[in-house]
Amino acid sequence: MRQGDLVKLVRILGMLGSDHAGERASAALAAHRLVRASGESWAALLSPYKVPRTPRGRVFVDIFHDPVRAAASRMRQLRRENEDLRNEVKRLRQWLDARRATARRTARLKDPGTVR
């Protein structure tokens, strides 16, 4: 879309906040017509990166999904999950060691001649 059309679109979109329903409807229709006349799509205009197109000119589905950011987010989530699991294993080992120590003490008290 040309720079002049973008300026015009911004002005039109500013009218969407009008108190008058008719003015809002007219602004929405004018914005839609301007975007369609430019040959662009709303998705292409609003996307933070270049929107890929199929051979027929259709925009791919789910263009706002950034796979790199999604993967980085998932990695952070998995790291937190792994850390939580490590801490849980550590707590369970401590609990098990305490349990074994208690069992040894109890066994020594019952049979003082046995060394374990």
Protein backbone atom coordinates (compact mmCIF):
# COMPACT_ATOMS: atom_id res chain seq x y z
CA MET A 1 0.00 0.00 0.00
CA ARG A 2 1.33 3.45 -0.87
CA GLN A 3 2.29 5.90 1.85
CA GLY A 4 -0.52 8.32 0.91
CA ASP A 5 -3.09 5.52 1.14
CA LEU A 6 -1.76 4.55 4.56
CA VAL A 7 -2.14 8.13 5.80
CA LYS A 8 -5.68 8.21 4.46
CA LEU A 9 -6.44 4.85 6.09
CA VAL A 10 -5.20 6.11 9.46
CA ARG A 11 -7.48 9.13 9.22
CA ILE A 12 -10.44 6.95 8.27
CA LEU A 13 -9.75 4.51 11.10
CA GLY A 14 -9.66 7.43 13.52
CA MET A 15 -13.31 8.02 12.70
CA LEU A 16 -14.21 4.57 14.06
CA GLY A 17 -14.26 6.13 17.52
CA SER A 18 -17.11 8.48 16.61
CA ASP A 19 -20.18 8.77 18.82
CA HIS A 20 -22.41 8.48 15.74
CA ALA A 21 -23.19 4.98 14.48
CA GLY A 22 -23.60 6.15 10.86
CA GLU A 23 -20.19 7.81 10.89
CA ARG A 24 -18.57 4.67 12.31
CA ALA A 25 -20.24 2.50 9.66
CA SER A 26 -19.17 4.84 6.86
CA ALA A 27 -15.60 4.90 8.16
CA ALA A 28 -15.48 1.10 8.33
CA LEU A 29 -16.81 0.77 4.79
CA ALA A 30 -14.40 3.42 3.49
CA ALA A 31 -11.46 1.65 5.17
CA HIS A 32 -12.50 -1.69 3.71
CA ARG A 33 -12.82 -0.24 0.22
CA LEU A 34 -9.45 1.51 0.48
CA VAL A 35 -7.70 -1.70 1.53
CA ARG A 36 -9.41 -3.75 -1.18
CA ALA A 37 -8.60 -1.12 -3.85
CA SER A 38 -4.93 -1.23 -2.88
CA GLY A 39 -4.82 -4.98 -3.54
CA GLU A 40 -3.74 -5.69 0.02
CA SER A 41 -5.52 -7.63 2.74
CA TRP A 42 -6.15 -6.57 6.32
CA ALA A 43 -3.94 -9.42 7.47
CA ALA A 44 -1.05 -8.17 5.33
CA LEU A 45 -1.43 -4.63 6.65
CA LEU A 46 -1.64 -5.66 10.30
CA SER A 47 1.03 -8.33 10.24
CA PRO A 48 4.33 -7.41 11.95
CA TYR A 49 6.24 -9.23 9.22
CA LYS A 50 5.87 -9.84 5.48
CA VAL A 51 2.84 -11.99 4.79
CA PRO A 52 3.58 -14.94 2.53
CA ARG A 53 1.19 -15.52 -0.36
CA THR A 54 0.18 -18.66 -2.18
CA PRO A 55 0.48 -18.78 -5.99
CA ARG A 56 -3.15 -17.66 -6.26
CA GLY A 57 -2.51 -14.66 -4.06
CA ARG A 58 -4.32 -15.98 -1.02
CA VAL A 59 -2.81 -15.34 2.38
CA PHE A 60 -1.68 -18.38 4.33
CA VAL A 61 -3.79 -19.33 7.34
CA ASP A 62 -2.54 -18.34 10.79
CA ILE A 63 -0.17 -15.62 9.62
CA PHE A 64 0.02 -14.03 13.08
CA HIS A 65 1.64 -17.13 14.54
CA ASP A 66 5.37 -16.60 14.91
CA PRO A 67 6.88 -20.09 15.09
CA VAL A 68 10.23 -18.85 16.45
CA ARG A 69 8.63 -17.01 19.36
CA ALA A 70 6.31 -19.95 20.00
CA ALA A 71 9.26 -22.35 20.12
CA ALA A 72 11.21 -20.05 22.45
CA SER A 73 8.21 -19.77 24.74
CA ARG A 74 7.78 -23.55 24.79
CA MET A 75 11.48 -24.00 25.59
CA ARG A 76 11.17 -21.61 28.56
CA GLN A 77 8.12 -23.54 29.74
CA LEU A 78 9.93 -26.89 29.44
CA ARG A 79 12.97 -25.55 31.32
CA ARG A 80 10.73 -24.45 34.20
CA GLU A 81 8.96 -27.81 34.14
CA ASN A 82 12.29 -29.69 34.20
CA GLU A 83 13.53 -27.57 37.10
CA ASP A 84 10.32 -28.31 39.02
CA LEU A 85 10.77 -32.03 38.36
CA ARG A 86 14.41 -31.92 39.51
CA ASN A 87 13.32 -30.21 42.73
CA GLU A 88 10.60 -32.80 43.27
CA VAL A 89 13.09 -35.66 42.77
CA LYS A 90 15.44 -33.97 45.25
CA ARG A 91 12.64 -33.67 47.83
CA LEU A 92 11.60 -37.30 47.31
CA ARG A 93 15.21 -38.50 47.73
CA GLN A 94 15.51 -36.53 50.97
CA TRP A 95 12.22 -37.97 52.20
CA LEU A 96 13.33 -41.49 51.25
CA ASP A 97 16.71 -41.04 52.96
CA ALA A 98 14.98 -39.80 56.12
CA ARG A 99 12.64 -42.77 55.98
CA ARG A 100 15.57 -45.21 55.62
CA ALA A 101 17.41 -43.54 58.49
CA THR A 102 14.33 -43.86 60.68
CA ALA A 103 13.97 -47.53 59.73
CA ARG A 104 17.64 -48.17 60.61
CA ARG A 105 17.28 -46.46 63.99
CA THR A 106 14.13 -48.44 64.71
CA ALA A 107 15.86 -51.69 63.73
CA ARG A 108 18.85 -50.90 66.02
CA LEU A 109 16.54 -50.21 68.93
CA LYS A 110 14.70 -53.51 68.45
CA ASP A 111 17.87 -55.57 67.97
CA PRO A 112 20.89 -53.76 69.41
CA GLY A 113 23.25 -56.60 68.36
CA THR A 114 22.61 -56.05 64.64
CA VAL A 115 24.71 -53.43 62.90
CA ARG A 116 23.36 -51.95 59.68
